[in-house]
Amino acid sequence: GAVKGHGASCYYVGLMATHGQGIPTDYGAARYWFQRAVAANDPQFHDDALAALASLEASIQEASDHEDALFDALDRQNAVPDDVKWLDD
């Protein structure tokens, strides 16, 4: 099975973790299992695991970029304009 490093099992556990099928969605766990599937070098699953890992990494990066853009927009929305003068108490 997956715990023993069987390529197909690792690949399928990675898919389950990616999509929350039977286990909670966990992208860190999915990355771990896809990496193990790639390392197992099973000719039937190596390329699929590599593609799944690349897709997962791209999705994580896209989500991170989106989150950064959202926080930047919120910072701009809540920024105090330069022309506002504060009164000293």
C-alpha atoms as a PDB file:
ATOM      1  CA  GLY A   1       0.000   0.000   0.000  1.00  0.00           C
ATOM      2  CA  ALA A   2       0.794   3.658   0.185  1.00  0.00           C
ATOM      3  CA  VAL A   3       2.594   3.440   3.519  1.00  0.00           C
ATOM      4  CA  LYS A   4       5.042   0.975   1.998  1.00  0.00           C
ATOM      5  CA  GLY A   5       5.655   3.319  -0.952  1.00  0.00           C
ATOM      6  CA  HIS A   6       3.678   1.475  -3.626  1.00  0.00           C
ATOM      7  CA  GLY A   7       3.490   3.981  -6.502  1.00  0.00           C
ATOM      8  CA  ALA A   8      -0.133   3.416  -7.484  1.00  0.00           C
ATOM      9  CA  SER A   9      -1.334   3.528  -3.886  1.00  0.00           C
ATOM     10  CA  CYS A  10       0.587   6.726  -3.178  1.00  0.00           C
ATOM     11  CA  TYR A  11      -0.841   8.292  -6.320  1.00  0.00           C
ATOM     12  CA  TYR A  12      -4.422   7.398  -5.405  1.00  0.00           C
ATOM     13  CA  VAL A  13      -4.041   8.615  -1.825  1.00  0.00           C
ATOM     14  CA  GLY A  14      -2.709  11.870  -3.277  1.00  0.00           C
ATOM     15  CA  LEU A  15      -5.820  12.166  -5.426  1.00  0.00           C
ATOM     16  CA  MET A  16      -8.038  11.438  -2.433  1.00  0.00           C
ATOM     17  CA  ALA A  17      -6.301  14.161  -0.385  1.00  0.00           C
ATOM     18  CA  THR A  18      -6.539  16.612  -3.291  1.00  0.00           C
ATOM     19  CA  HIS A  19     -10.266  16.138  -3.776  1.00  0.00           C
ATOM     20  CA  GLY A  20     -11.349  15.250  -0.241  1.00  0.00           C
ATOM     21  CA  GLN A  21     -12.588  11.834  -1.278  1.00  0.00           C
ATOM     22  CA  GLY A  22     -12.894   9.635   1.791  1.00  0.00           C
ATOM     23  CA  ILE A  23     -10.458  11.847   3.711  1.00  0.00           C
ATOM     24  CA  PRO A  24     -10.366  15.583   4.396  1.00  0.00           C
ATOM     25  CA  THR A  25      -8.944  17.786   1.649  1.00  0.00           C
ATOM     26  CA  ASP A  26      -5.296  18.385   2.531  1.00  0.00           C
ATOM     27  CA  TYR A  27      -2.979  19.807  -0.112  1.00  0.00           C
ATOM     28  CA  GLY A  28       0.116  19.265   2.018  1.00  0.00           C
ATOM     29  CA  ALA A  29      -0.731  15.587   2.347  1.00  0.00           C
ATOM     30  CA  ALA A  30      -1.527  15.401  -1.358  1.00  0.00           C
ATOM     31  CA  ARG A  31       1.893  16.878  -2.176  1.00  0.00           C
ATOM     32  CA  TYR A  32       3.555  14.341   0.123  1.00  0.00           C
ATOM     33  CA  TRP A  33       1.774  11.361  -1.474  1.00  0.00           C
ATOM     34  CA  PHE A  34       2.357  12.549  -5.045  1.00  0.00           C
ATOM     35  CA  GLN A  35       6.049  13.026  -4.252  1.00  0.00           C
ATOM     36  CA  ARG A  36       6.191   9.480  -2.870  1.00  0.00           C
ATOM     37  CA  ALA A  37       4.421   8.194  -5.988  1.00  0.00           C
ATOM     38  CA  VAL A  38       6.995   9.924  -8.199  1.00  0.00           C
ATOM     39  CA  ALA A  39       9.845   8.542  -6.069  1.00  0.00           C
ATOM     40  CA  ALA A  40       8.421   5.012  -6.388  1.00  0.00           C
ATOM     41  CA  ASN A  41       9.124   5.300 -10.127  1.00  0.00           C
ATOM     42  CA  ASP A  42       6.246   2.983 -11.045  1.00  0.00           C
ATOM     43  CA  PRO A  43       6.112   3.164 -14.866  1.00  0.00           C
ATOM     44  CA  GLN A  44       2.289   3.106 -14.851  1.00  0.00           C
ATOM     45  CA  PHE A  45       1.899   6.004 -12.410  1.00  0.00           C
ATOM     46  CA  HIS A  46       5.134   8.020 -12.471  1.00  0.00           C
ATOM     47  CA  ASP A  47       4.066  10.432 -15.219  1.00  0.00           C
ATOM     48  CA  ASP A  48       0.538  10.819 -13.821  1.00  0.00           C
ATOM     49  CA  ALA A  49       1.910  11.496 -10.338  1.00  0.00           C
ATOM     50  CA  LEU A  50       4.387  14.019 -11.734  1.00  0.00           C
ATOM     51  CA  ALA A  51       1.603  15.789 -13.655  1.00  0.00           C
ATOM     52  CA  ALA A  52      -0.674  15.757 -10.593  1.00  0.00           C
ATOM     53  CA  LEU A  53       2.123  17.198  -8.464  1.00  0.00           C
ATOM     54  CA  ALA A  54       2.803  19.964 -11.004  1.00  0.00           C
ATOM     55  CA  SER A  55      -0.908  20.764 -11.224  1.00  0.00           C
ATOM     56  CA  LEU A  56      -1.226  20.844  -7.446  1.00  0.00           C
ATOM     57  CA  GLU A  57       1.797  23.135  -7.109  1.00  0.00           C
ATOM     58  CA  ALA A  58       0.363  25.468  -9.784  1.00  0.00           C
ATOM     59  CA  SER A  59      -3.005  25.560  -7.998  1.00  0.00           C
ATOM     60  CA  ILE A  60      -1.352  26.316  -4.675  1.00  0.00           C
ATOM     61  CA  GLN A  61       0.692  29.109  -6.274  1.00  0.00           C
ATOM     62  CA  GLU A  62      -2.388  30.527  -8.005  1.00  0.00           C
ATOM     63  CA  ALA A  63      -4.321  30.528  -4.715  1.00  0.00           C
ATOM     64  CA  SER A  64      -1.402  32.218  -2.976  1.00  0.00           C
ATOM     65  CA  ASP A  65      -1.169  34.868  -5.715  1.00  0.00           C
ATOM     66  CA  HIS A  66      -4.923  35.448  -5.489  1.00  0.00           C
ATOM     67  CA  GLU A  67      -4.710  35.780  -1.717  1.00  0.00           C
ATOM     68  CA  ASP A  68      -1.831  38.266  -2.030  1.00  0.00           C
ATOM     69  CA  ALA A  69      -3.811  40.331  -4.542  1.00  0.00           C
ATOM     70  CA  LEU A  70      -6.844  40.291  -2.266  1.00  0.00           C
ATOM     71  CA  PHE A  71      -4.817  41.518   0.718  1.00  0.00           C
ATOM     72  CA  ASP A  72      -3.175  44.194  -1.425  1.00  0.00           C
ATOM     73  CA  ALA A  73      -6.622  45.410  -2.544  1.00  0.00           C
ATOM     74  CA  LEU A  74      -7.849  45.451   1.054  1.00  0.00           C
ATOM     75  CA  ASP A  75      -4.762  47.393   2.127  1.00  0.00           C
ATOM     76  CA  ARG A  76      -5.418  49.973  -0.615  1.00  0.00           C
ATOM     77  CA  GLN A  77      -9.088  50.173   0.338  1.00  0.00           C
ATOM     78  CA  ASN A  78      -8.274  50.795   3.991  1.00  0.00           C
ATOM     79  CA  ALA A  79      -5.307  53.093   3.394  1.00  0.00           C
ATOM     80  CA  VAL A  80      -5.462  56.602   4.752  1.00  0.00           C
ATOM     81  CA  PRO A  81      -5.044  59.106   1.911  1.00  0.00           C
ATOM     82  CA  ASP A  82      -1.858  61.178   2.016  1.00  0.00           C
ATOM     83  CA  ASP A  83      -3.815  64.449   2.120  1.00  0.00           C
ATOM     84  CA  VAL A  84      -5.583  63.600   5.390  1.00  0.00           C
ATOM     85  CA  LYS A  85      -4.079  65.589   8.229  1.00  0.00           C
ATOM     86  CA  TRP A  86      -4.298  64.313  11.751  1.00  0.00           C
ATOM     87  CA  LEU A  87      -4.975  66.635  14.615  1.00  0.00           C
ATOM     88  CA  ASP A  88      -2.650  66.435  17.566  1.00  0.00           C
ATOM     89  CA  ASP A  89      -4.479  66.100  20.860  1.00  0.00           C
END
